Structures are given as C-alpha cells and as structure tokens.
Amino acid sequence: QLQLVESGGGLVQPGGSLRLSCAASRSISSISAMGWYRQTPGKQRELVATITRGGKTNYADSVKGRFTISRDNAKNTVYLQMNSLKPEDTAVYYCNAVVSVIIGSIDYWGQGTQVTVSS
C-alpha cells in the first residue's frame, strides 16, 4: 500500500509562485512514474506534469515553461514548482503514483491540495 500526502497549496496572486510537495509513505525509487494532476468543478481531472523513475518529464502544454516537476528519492517526495501563476491555474492539485505490479499497474492518489490564483 502507498499513501501520498500533498502540501503547499494556497492563495497566490497572478504572477506569483508556489511549490507543491507530495510525500510518499514509502520509497519512491522503484515507482514507475509520479505526477501531478488538477481538477476544477465540473471538469475532468487533467494531467499537469509527470516524471518517470528515470527522470524523464512530461508537461501539459498549458504549463510548459512555467511549472517544473522534480523528485527526491532520498526524501520520498515529488515536487511541483509553479511560477508565473495564472487565474486559470486555480484547481485542486492531486499527486499520482503509478506502481507496476505483476498483472499491470496500480494508480495511487493523494487527497488533493487547493491552489487559488486570484488578486
């Protein structure tokens, strides 16, 4: 079993920055991929950024050049540095981990952290 706990959300003005953290309950070094997703009311959860075990990253077009995902295996933590925030970045942000198992893979999710970008 794997538990993910997000932190770092809050209220920030447009153009500001936030860093989200996702702390895992066990080692993440063997986890295939981890990432951040976000969701607003009435919309589907959407991918923000992912990072593989090997460090390969992938970003949604809407956040490229502004957000950076990273992982610290020693701290069992994944980060999302968000710069130049826009009101449209307002959402609940969820941490995700994809764990490979014999029969496929299992998705784990955190409880989410609210990010509000407003003046």
Protein backbone atom coordinates (compact mmCIF):
# COMPACT_ATOMS: atom_id res chain seq x y z
CA GLN A 1 0.00 0.00 0.00
CA LEU A 2 1.17 3.51 -0.75
CA GLN A 3 -0.09 6.75 0.75
CA LEU A 4 0.52 10.15 -0.80
CA VAL A 5 0.13 13.41 1.08
CA GLU A 6 0.17 16.73 -0.75
CA SER A 7 1.02 20.08 0.77
CA GLY A 8 1.95 23.58 -0.31
CA GLY A 9 -1.29 24.79 -1.82
CA GLY A 10 -2.83 28.14 -1.00
CA LEU A 11 -3.85 31.54 -2.28
CA VAL A 12 -1.43 33.44 -4.51
CA GLN A 13 -1.68 36.49 -6.72
CA PRO A 14 -1.35 36.23 -10.50
CA GLY A 15 2.31 36.08 -11.45
CA GLY A 16 3.25 34.53 -8.14
CA SER A 17 4.79 31.18 -7.30
CA LEU A 18 4.00 28.12 -5.22
CA ARG A 19 5.76 24.83 -4.62
CA LEU A 20 3.67 21.75 -4.06
CA SER A 21 5.08 18.71 -2.29
CA CYS A 22 3.90 15.11 -2.39
CA ALA A 23 5.28 12.94 0.39
CA ALA A 24 5.03 9.19 -0.09
CA SER A 25 4.69 6.69 2.75
CA ARG A 26 7.48 4.51 1.39
CA SER A 27 10.38 4.61 -1.01
CA ILE A 28 9.58 6.05 -4.43
CA SER A 29 12.79 4.96 -6.12
CA SER A 30 11.13 1.96 -7.75
CA ILE A 31 7.86 3.65 -8.66
CA SER A 32 7.42 3.74 -12.43
CA ALA A 33 6.07 7.25 -12.66
CA MET A 34 4.74 10.00 -10.47
CA GLY A 35 2.88 13.09 -11.41
CA TRP A 36 0.56 15.93 -10.70
CA TYR A 37 -2.98 16.33 -11.98
CA ARG A 38 -5.54 19.04 -11.38
CA GLN A 39 -9.29 19.33 -11.37
CA THR A 40 -11.83 22.14 -11.29
CA PRO A 41 -15.55 21.74 -10.51
CA GLY A 42 -17.47 20.18 -13.37
CA LYS A 43 -14.37 19.23 -15.32
CA GLN A 44 -12.34 16.07 -15.69
CA ARG A 45 -9.07 15.68 -13.90
CA GLU A 46 -6.26 16.70 -16.24
CA LEU A 47 -2.58 15.94 -16.39
CA VAL A 48 -0.22 18.71 -15.31
CA ALA A 49 3.18 17.01 -15.24
CA THR A 50 4.74 13.59 -14.83
CA ILE A 51 8.20 12.27 -14.08
CA THR A 52 9.41 8.73 -14.63
CA ARG A 53 11.71 6.64 -12.50
CA GLY A 54 14.49 7.58 -14.89
CA GLY A 55 13.77 11.29 -14.58
CA LYS A 56 12.01 11.86 -17.89
CA THR A 57 9.44 14.62 -17.60
CA ASN A 58 6.26 15.46 -19.45
CA TYR A 59 4.13 18.61 -19.18
CA ALA A 60 0.75 19.81 -20.31
CA ASP A 61 1.12 22.49 -22.98
CA SER A 62 -0.63 24.98 -20.72
CA VAL A 63 2.12 24.81 -18.08
CA LYS A 64 5.26 24.30 -20.16
CA GLY A 65 7.92 26.84 -19.29
CA ARG A 66 6.17 27.79 -16.05
CA PHE A 67 5.98 24.58 -13.99
CA THR A 68 8.76 22.17 -13.09
CA ILE A 69 8.32 18.69 -11.67
CA SER A 70 11.10 17.00 -9.73
CA ARG A 71 11.60 14.06 -7.41
CA ASP A 72 13.86 13.50 -4.43
CA ASN A 73 14.13 9.76 -3.91
CA ALA A 74 16.03 10.22 -0.65
CA LYS A 75 13.06 12.13 0.81
CA ASN A 76 10.38 10.05 -0.93
CA THR A 77 8.95 13.30 -2.22
CA VAL A 78 7.87 14.74 -5.54
CA TYR A 79 7.65 18.47 -6.08
CA LEU A 80 5.84 20.80 -8.45
CA GLN A 81 7.36 24.26 -8.71
CA MET A 82 4.77 26.60 -10.17
CA ASN A 83 5.86 30.02 -11.43
CA SER A 84 4.06 32.80 -13.28
CA LEU A 85 0.76 31.51 -11.99
CA LYS A 86 -2.43 32.48 -13.79
CA PRO A 87 -6.05 32.52 -12.59
CA GLU A 88 -6.73 29.56 -14.88
CA ASP A 89 -4.27 27.50 -12.82
CA THR A 90 -6.79 27.57 -9.98
CA ALA A 91 -7.73 23.98 -9.16
CA VAL A 92 -7.33 21.14 -6.72
CA TYR A 93 -3.98 19.54 -7.43
CA TYR A 94 -3.55 15.81 -6.92
CA CYS A 95 -0.42 13.74 -6.64
CA ASN A 96 -0.36 10.44 -8.52
CA ALA A 97 1.89 7.39 -8.44
CA VAL A 98 1.86 4.52 -10.90
CA VAL A 99 3.16 1.33 -9.33
CA SER A 100 3.95 -1.62 -11.55
CA VAL A 101 2.70 -5.00 -10.40
CA ILE A 102 2.83 -8.44 -11.95
CA ILE A 103 -0.54 -8.11 -13.65
CA GLY A 104 -0.19 -4.49 -14.73
CA SER A 105 -0.10 -1.35 -12.65
CA ILE A 106 -1.94 0.36 -9.81
CA ASP A 107 -2.70 4.06 -9.56
CA TYR A 108 -2.46 5.76 -6.19
CA TRP A 109 -3.79 9.26 -5.45
CA GLY A 110 -3.37 11.81 -2.73
CA GLN A 111 -6.23 13.73 -1.16
CA GLY A 112 -5.51 16.92 -3.12
CA THR A 113 -4.42 20.42 -2.26
CA GLN A 114 -6.24 23.60 -3.31
CA VAL A 115 -4.41 26.20 -5.37
CA THR A 116 -6.17 29.52 -5.88
CA VAL A 117 -4.71 32.23 -8.09
CA SER A 118 -6.53 35.49 -7.57
CA SER A 119 -5.90 39.15 -6.91
